[in-house]
PDB file of N, CA and C in Angstrom:
ATOM      1  N   MET A   1     230.294 -90.043 237.808  1.00  0.00           N
ATOM      2  CA  MET A   1     229.695 -90.584 236.608  1.00  0.00           C
ATOM      3  C   MET A   1     230.735 -90.811 235.523  1.00  0.00           C
ATOM      4  N   SER A   2     231.817 -90.072 235.599  1.00  0.00           N
ATOM      5  CA  SER A   2     232.835 -90.211 234.566  1.00  0.00           C
ATOM      6  C   SER A   2     233.554 -91.564 234.668  1.00  0.00           C
ATOM      7  N   ARG A   3     233.588 -92.161 235.881  1.00  0.00           N
ATOM      8  CA  ARG A   3     234.230 -93.463 236.014  1.00  0.00           C
ATOM      9  C   ARG A   3     233.421 -94.530 235.304  1.00  0.00           C
ATOM     10  N   VAL A   4     232.108 -94.458 235.412  1.00  0.00           N
ATOM     11  CA  VAL A   4     231.256 -95.428 234.731  1.00  0.00           C
ATOM     12  C   VAL A   4     231.370 -95.254 233.223  1.00  0.00           C
ATOM     13  N   LYS A   5     231.401 -94.012 232.773  1.00  0.00           N
ATOM     14  CA  LYS A   5     231.542 -93.745 231.349  1.00  0.00           C
ATOM     15  C   LYS A   5     232.897 -94.220 230.843  1.00  0.00           C
ATOM     16  N   ASP A   6     233.944 -94.013 231.629  1.00  0.00           N
ATOM     17  CA  ASP A   6     235.278 -94.471 231.257  1.00  0.00           C
ATOM     18  C   ASP A   6     235.335 -96.000 231.230  1.00  0.00           C
ATOM     19  N   LEU A   7     234.713 -96.632 232.190  1.00  0.00           N
ATOM     20  CA  LEU A   7     234.655 -98.098 232.228  1.00  0.00           C
ATOM     21  C   LEU A   7     233.931 -98.631 230.995  1.00  0.00           C
ATOM     22  N   TRP A   8     232.830 -97.985 230.634  1.00  0.00           N
ATOM     23  CA  TRP A   8     232.071 -98.433 229.463  1.00  0.00           C
ATOM     24  C   TRP A   8     232.865 -98.242 228.167  1.00  0.00           C
ATOM     25  N   THR A   9     233.551 -97.132 228.037  1.00  0.00           N
ATOM     26  CA  THR A   9     234.292 -96.891 226.797  1.00  0.00           C
ATOM     27  C   THR A   9     235.510 -97.814 226.685  1.00  0.00           C
ATOM     28  N   ARG A  10     236.137 -98.162 227.807  1.00  0.00           N
ATOM     29  CA  ARG A  10     237.305 -99.031 227.756  1.00  0.00           C
ATOM     30  C   ARG A  10     236.937-100.512 227.579  1.00  0.00           C
ATOM     31  N   TYR A  11     235.939-100.965 228.261  1.00  0.00           N
ATOM     32  CA  TYR A  11     235.627-102.393 228.316  1.00  0.00           C
ATOM     33  C   TYR A  11     234.260-102.727 227.708  1.00  0.00           C
ATOM     34  N   ARG A  12     233.847-101.976 226.733  1.00  0.00           N
ATOM     35  CA  ARG A  12     232.546-102.172 226.103  1.00  0.00           C
ATOM     36  C   ARG A  12     232.422-103.578 225.509  1.00  0.00           C
ATOM     37  N   VAL A  13     233.442-104.026 224.809  1.00  0.00           N
ATOM     38  CA  VAL A  13     233.393-105.334 224.152  1.00  0.00           C
ATOM     39  C   VAL A  13     233.304-106.441 225.189  1.00  0.00           C
ATOM     40  N   VAL A  14     234.084-106.338 226.246  1.00  0.00           N
ATOM     41  CA  VAL A  14     234.077-107.367 227.289  1.00  0.00           C
ATOM     42  C   VAL A  14     232.728-107.406 227.996  1.00  0.00           C
ATOM     43  N   ILE A  15     232.186-106.239 228.303  1.00  0.00           N
ATOM     44  CA  ILE A  15     230.912-106.161 229.015  1.00  0.00           C
ATOM     45  C   ILE A  15     229.784-106.771 228.177  1.00  0.00           C
ATOM     46  N   VAL A  16     229.860-106.638 226.873  1.00  0.00           N
ATOM     47  CA  VAL A  16     228.808-107.181 226.012  1.00  0.00           C
ATOM     48  C   VAL A  16     229.063-108.642 225.667  1.00  0.00           C
ATOM     49  N   MET A  17     230.304-109.019 225.395  1.00  0.00           N
ATOM     50  CA  MET A  17     230.595-110.354 224.870  1.00  0.00           C
ATOM     51  C   MET A  17     230.534-111.458 225.921  1.00  0.00           C
ATOM     52  N   ILE A  18     230.970-111.198 227.145  1.00  0.00           N
ATOM     53  CA  ILE A  18     230.972-112.267 228.152  1.00  0.00           C
ATOM     54  C   ILE A  18     229.560-112.752 228.449  1.00  0.00           C
ATOM     55  N   PRO A  19     228.589-111.885 228.737  1.00  0.00           N
ATOM     56  CA  PRO A  19     227.229-112.398 228.926  1.00  0.00           C
ATOM     57  C   PRO A  19     226.657-113.045 227.657  1.00  0.00           C
ATOM     58  N   SER A  20     227.062-112.546 226.483  1.00  0.00           N
ATOM     59  CA  SER A  20     226.591-113.153 225.239  1.00  0.00           C
ATOM     60  C   SER A  20     227.128-114.568 225.098  1.00  0.00           C
ATOM     61  N   LEU A  21     228.399-114.789 225.365  1.00  0.00           N
ATOM     62  CA  LEU A  21     228.977-116.131 225.291  1.00  0.00           C
ATOM     63  C   LEU A  21     228.346-117.073 226.306  1.00  0.00           C
ATOM     64  N   ILE A  22     228.116-116.572 227.512  1.00  0.00           N
ATOM     65  CA  ILE A  22     227.469-117.400 228.534  1.00  0.00           C
ATOM     66  C   ILE A  22     226.067-117.792 228.083  1.00  0.00           C
ATOM     67  N   GLY A  23     225.331-116.844 227.528  1.00  0.00           N
ATOM     68  CA  GLY A  23     223.989-117.136 227.037  1.00  0.00           C
ATOM     69  C   GLY A  23     223.989-118.122 225.881  1.00  0.00           C
ATOM     70  N   LEU A  24     224.926-117.983 224.957  1.00  0.00           N
ATOM     71  CA  LEU A  24     225.005-118.919 223.834  1.00  0.00           C
ATOM     72  C   LEU A  24     225.332-120.337 224.318  1.00  0.00           C
ATOM     73  N   HIS A  25     226.284-120.470 225.234  1.00  0.00           N
ATOM     74  CA  HIS A  25     226.631-121.785 225.752  1.00  0.00           C
ATOM     75  C   HIS A  25     225.462-122.418 226.496  1.00  0.00           C
ATOM     76  N   TRP A  26     224.775-121.618 227.294  1.00  0.00           N
ATOM     77  CA  TRP A  26     223.627-122.139 228.031  1.00  0.00           C
ATOM     78  C   TRP A  26     222.532-122.588 227.056  1.00  0.00           C
ATOM     79  N   GLY A  27     222.267-121.778 226.036  1.00  0.00           N
ATOM     80  CA  GLY A  27     221.239-122.132 225.056  1.00  0.00           C
ATOM     81  C   GLY A  27     221.595-123.391 224.284  1.00  0.00           C
ATOM     82  N   TRP A  28     222.843-123.527 223.880  1.00  0.00           N
ATOM     83  CA  TRP A  28     223.277-124.726 223.151  1.00  0.00           C
ATOM     84  C   TRP A  28     223.183-125.965 224.041  1.00  0.00           C
ATOM     85  N   ASN A  29     223.538-125.811 225.300  1.00  0.00           N
ATOM     86  CA  ASN A  29     223.423-126.921 226.245  1.00  0.00           C
ATOM     87  C   ASN A  29     221.967-127.348 226.413  1.00  0.00           C
ATOM     88  N   GLU A  30     221.067-126.388 226.506  1.00  0.00           N
ATOM     89  CA  GLU A  30     219.650-126.708 226.653  1.00  0.00           C
ATOM     90  C   GLU A  30     219.106-127.389 225.398  1.00  0.00           C
ATOM     91  N   LEU A  31     219.538-126.946 224.211  1.00  0.00           N
ATOM     92  CA  LEU A  31     219.105-127.608 222.974  1.00  0.00           C
ATOM     93  C   LEU A  31     219.599-129.053 222.903  1.00  0.00           C
ATOM     94  N   GLN A  32     220.823-129.281 223.330  1.00  0.00           N
ATOM     95  CA  GLN A  32     221.349-130.640 223.298  1.00  0.00           C
ATOM     96  C   GLN A  32     220.630-131.539 224.295  1.00  0.00           C
ATOM     97  N   LYS A  33     220.280-131.005 225.457  1.00  0.00           N
ATOM     98  CA  LYS A  33     219.581-131.813 226.456  1.00  0.00           C
ATOM     99  C   LYS A  33     218.157-132.136 226.023  1.00  0.00           C
ATOM    100  N   SER A  34     217.506-131.207 225.349  1.00  0.00           N
ATOM    101  CA  SER A  34     216.106-131.411 224.997  1.00  0.00           C
ATOM    102  C   SER A  34     215.945-132.398 223.851  1.00  0.00           C
ATOM    103  N   GLY A  35     216.869-132.448 222.915  1.00  0.00           N
ATOM    104  CA  GLY A  35     216.790-133.381 221.810  1.00  0.00           C
ATOM    105  C   GLY A  35     215.798-132.979 220.734  1.00  0.00           C
ATOM    106  N   ILE A  36     215.393-131.732 220.699  1.00  0.00           N
ATOM    107  CA  ILE A  36     214.421-131.264 219.713  1.00  0.00           C
ATOM    108  C   ILE A  36     214.994-131.351 218.302  1.00  0.00           C
ATOM    109  N   LEU A  37     216.275-131.041 218.143  1.00  0.00           N
ATOM    110  CA  LEU A  37     216.878-130.990 216.822  1.00  0.00           C
ATOM    111  C   LEU A  37     217.397-132.337 216.339  1.00  0.00           C
ATOM    112  N   MET A  38     217.251-133.392 217.130  1.00  0.00           N
ATOM    113  CA  MET A  38     217.764-134.707 216.741  1.00  0.00           C
ATOM    114  C   MET A  38     216.671-135.530 216.068  1.00  0.00           C
ATOM    115  N   SER A  39     217.055-136.262 215.014  1.00  0.00           N
ATOM    116  CA  SER A  39     216.107-137.168 214.392  1.00  0.00           C
ATOM    117  C   SER A  39     215.987-138.425 215.248  1.00  0.00           C
ATOM    118  N   THR A  40     214.954-139.217 215.005  1.00  0.00           N
ATOM    119  CA  THR A  40     214.746-140.415 215.817  1.00  0.00           C
ATOM    120  C   THR A  40     215.847-141.446 215.580  1.00  0.00           C
ATOM    121  N   ASP A  41     216.421-141.484 214.371  1.00  0.00           N
ATOM    122  CA  ASP A  41     217.503-142.423 214.093  1.00  0.00           C
ATOM    123  C   ASP A  41     218.742-142.103 214.919  1.00  0.00           C
ATOM    124  N   SER A  42     219.098-140.841 214.978  1.00  0.00           N
ATOM    125  CA  SER A  42     220.298-140.481 215.713  1.00  0.00           C
ATOM    126  C   SER A  42     220.075-140.574 217.222  1.00  0.00           C
ATOM    127  N   GLN A  43     218.844-140.458 217.687  1.00  0.00           N
ATOM    128  CA  GLN A  43     218.579-140.620 219.107  1.00  0.00           C
ATOM    129  C   GLN A  43     218.777-142.067 219.532  1.00  0.00           C
ATOM    130  N   GLN A  44     218.507-142.993 218.653  1.00  0.00           N
ATOM    131  CA  GLN A  44     218.649-144.399 219.002  1.00  0.00           C
ATOM    132  C   GLN A  44     220.110-144.814 219.030  1.00  0.00           C
ATOM    133  N   GLN A  45     220.936-144.258 218.156  1.00  0.00           N
ATOM    134  CA  GLN A  45     222.320-144.696 218.076  1.00  0.00           C
ATOM    135  C   GLN A  45     223.156-144.167 219.238  1.00  0.00           C
ATOM    136  N   GLU A  46     223.077-142.869 219.500  1.00  0.00           N
ATOM    137  CA  GLU A  46     223.835-142.236 220.567  1.00  0.00           C
ATOM    138  C   GLU A  46     225.308-142.650 220.537  1.00  0.00           C
ATOM    139  N   GLU A  47     225.941-142.553 219.403  1.00  0.00           N
ATOM    140  CA  GLU A  47     227.336-142.926 219.236  1.00  0.00           C
ATOM    141  C   GLU A  47     228.139-141.704 218.862  1.00  0.00           C
ATOM    142  N   GLY A  48     229.227-141.480 219.564  1.00  0.00           N
ATOM    143  CA  GLY A  48     230.092-140.369 219.254  1.00  0.00           C
ATOM    144  C   GLY A  48     231.261-140.830 218.412  1.00  0.00           C
ATOM    145  N   PRO A  49     232.077-139.898 217.953  1.00  0.00           N
ATOM    146  CA  PRO A  49     233.202-140.274 217.096  1.00  0.00           C
ATOM    147  C   PRO A  49     234.281-141.052 217.842  1.00  0.00           C
ATOM    148  N   PHE A  50     234.340-140.914 219.161  1.00  0.00           N
ATOM    149  CA  PHE A  50     235.387-141.580 219.920  1.00  0.00           C
ATOM    150  C   PHE A  50     234.865-142.784 220.695  1.00  0.00           C
ATOM    151  N   LEU A  51     233.585-143.073 220.586  1.00  0.00           N
ATOM    152  CA  LEU A  51     233.025-144.213 221.293  1.00  0.00           C
ATOM    153  C   LEU A  51     232.917-145.394 220.341  1.00  0.00           C
ATOM    154  N   PRO A  52     233.518-146.524 220.676  1.00  0.00           N
ATOM    155  CA  PRO A  52     233.412-147.675 219.782  1.00  0.00           C
ATOM    156  C   PRO A  52     232.011-148.264 219.834  1.00  0.00           C
ATOM    157  N   SER A  53     231.583-148.852 218.715  1.00  0.00           N
ATOM    158  CA  SER A  53     230.256-149.449 218.688  1.00  0.00           C
ATOM    159  C   SER A  53     230.250-150.800 219.388  1.00  0.00           C
ATOM    160  N   VAL A  54     231.419-151.437 219.494  1.00  0.00           N
ATOM    161  CA  VAL A  54     231.527-152.727 220.177  1.00  0.00           C
ATOM    162  C   VAL A  54     232.383-152.504 221.419  1.00  0.00           C
ATOM    163  N   PRO A  55     231.906-152.947 222.580  1.00  0.00           N
ATOM    164  CA  PRO A  55     232.708-152.732 223.783  1.00  0.00           C
ATOM    165  C   PRO A  55     233.982-153.571 223.724  1.00  0.00           C
ATOM    166  N   PRO A  56     235.040-153.093 224.335  1.00  0.00           N
ATOM    167  CA  PRO A  56     236.286-153.859 224.306  1.00  0.00           C
ATOM    168  C   PRO A  56     236.135-155.154 225.107  1.00  0.00           C
ATOM    169  N   PRO A  57     236.905-156.177 224.774  1.00  0.00           N
ATOM    170  CA  PRO A  57     236.791-157.428 225.522  1.00  0.00           C
ATOM    171  C   PRO A  57     237.274-157.239 226.956  1.00  0.00           C
ATOM    172  N   ALA A  58     236.728-158.038 227.842  1.00  0.00           N
ATOM    173  CA  ALA A  58     237.112-157.946 229.241  1.00  0.00           C
ATOM    174  C   ALA A  58     238.543-158.461 229.406  1.00  0.00           C
ATOM    175  N   LEU A  59     239.267-157.826 230.294  1.00  0.00           N
ATOM    176  CA  LEU A  59     240.631-158.255 230.557  1.00  0.00           C
ATOM    177  C   LEU A  59     240.600-159.522 231.403  1.00  0.00           C
ATOM    178  N   VAL A  60     241.331-160.534 230.987  1.00  0.00           N
ATOM    179  CA  VAL A  60     241.372-161.793 231.710  1.00  0.00           C
ATOM    180  C   VAL A  60     242.776-161.958 232.272  1.00  0.00           C
ATOM    181  N   MET A  61     242.842-162.199 233.574  1.00  0.00           N
ATOM    182  CA  MET A  61     244.132-162.405 234.216  1.00  0.00           C
ATOM    183  C   MET A  61     244.638-163.807 233.899  1.00  0.00           C
ATOM    184  N   PRO A  62     245.925-163.963 233.615  1.00  0.00           N
ATOM    185  CA  PRO A  62     246.461-165.302 233.402  1.00  0.00           C
ATOM    186  C   PRO A  62     246.453-166.073 234.725  1.00  0.00           C
ATOM    187  N   PRO A  63     246.414-167.388 234.670  1.00  0.00           N
ATOM    188  CA  PRO A  63     246.379-168.152 235.924  1.00  0.00           C
ATOM    189  C   PRO A  63     247.672-167.948 236.711  1.00  0.00           C
ATOM    190  N   MET A  64     247.546-167.928 238.009  1.00  0.00           N
ATOM    191  CA  MET A  64     248.700-167.755 238.881  1.00  0.00           C
ATOM    192  C   MET A  64     249.527-169.041 238.880  1.00  0.00           C
ATOM    193  N   PRO A  65     250.837-168.922 238.890  1.00  0.00           N
ATOM    194  CA  PRO A  65     251.656-170.130 238.929  1.00  0.00           C
ATOM    195  C   PRO A  65     251.524-170.837 240.282  1.00  0.00           C
ATOM    196  N   ASP A  66     251.625-172.123 240.264  1.00  0.00           N
ATOM    197  CA  ASP A  66     251.513-172.921 241.488  1.00  0.00           C
ATOM    198  C   ASP A  66     252.906-173.036 242.093  1.00  0.00           C
ATOM    199  N   PHE A  67     253.193-172.180 243.057  1.00  0.00           N
ATOM    200  CA  PHE A  67     254.522-172.138 243.657  1.00  0.00           C
ATOM    201  C   PHE A  67     254.826-173.402 244.447  1.00  0.00           C
ATOM    202  N   ASP A  68     253.790-173.988 245.090  1.00  0.00           N
ATOM    203  CA  ASP A  68     254.015-175.224 245.839  1.00  0.00           C
ATOM    204  C   ASP A  68     254.466-176.344 244.904  1.00  0.00           C
ATOM    205  N   LYS A  69     253.843-176.450 243.755  1.00  0.00           N
ATOM    206  CA  LYS A  69     254.213-177.474 242.788  1.00  0.00           C
ATOM    207  C   LYS A  69     255.625-177.239 242.260  1.00  0.00           C
ATOM    208  N   MET A  70     255.981-175.965 242.062  1.00  0.00           N
ATOM    209  CA  MET A  70     257.325-175.646 241.583  1.00  0.00           C
ATOM    210  C   MET A  70     258.375-176.049 242.614  1.00  0.00           C
ATOM    211  N   LYS A  71     258.080-175.850 243.897  1.00  0.00           N
ATOM    212  CA  LYS A  71     259.006-176.243 244.959  1.00  0.00           C
ATOM    213  C   LYS A  71     259.156-177.762 245.010  1.00  0.00           C
ATOM    214  N   ARG A  72     258.041-178.489 244.857  1.00  0.00           N
ATOM    215  CA  ARG A  72     258.089-179.951 244.879  1.00  0.00           C
ATOM    216  C   ARG A  72     258.896-180.485 243.687  1.00  0.00           C
ATOM    217  N   ASP A  73     258.754-179.839 242.551  1.00  0.00           N
ATOM    218  CA  ASP A  73     259.465-180.282 241.360  1.00  0.00           C
ATOM    219  C   ASP A  73     260.971-180.046 241.481  1.00  0.00           C
ATOM    220  N   GLN A  74     261.363-179.019 242.216  1.00  0.00           N
ATOM    221  CA  GLN A  74     262.776-178.712 242.367  1.00  0.00           C
ATOM    222  C   GLN A  74     263.477-179.724 243.269  1.00  0.00           C
ATOM    223  N   LYS A  75     262.773-180.366 244.197  1.00  0.00           N
ATOM    224  CA  LYS A  75     263.388-181.318 245.136  1.00  0.00           C
ATOM    225  C   LYS A  75     263.707-182.622 244.526  1.00  0.00           C
TER     226      LYS A  75
END
């Protein structure tokens, strides 16, 4: 029994804090998923600080050079 008592006296903070942190993270995750605390305006926007409101333009490849025409021009 003294080993359990020694374990509790040495690691009391760890034994209490790790399950507490896990519970807090799980609870915060559940609140964010449920959307109870969000107003209807913010639910419609769904914009974060790093997400642009306008999507970036699509990348357009430049036209490929016509190698056959270049060869004909060189002759």
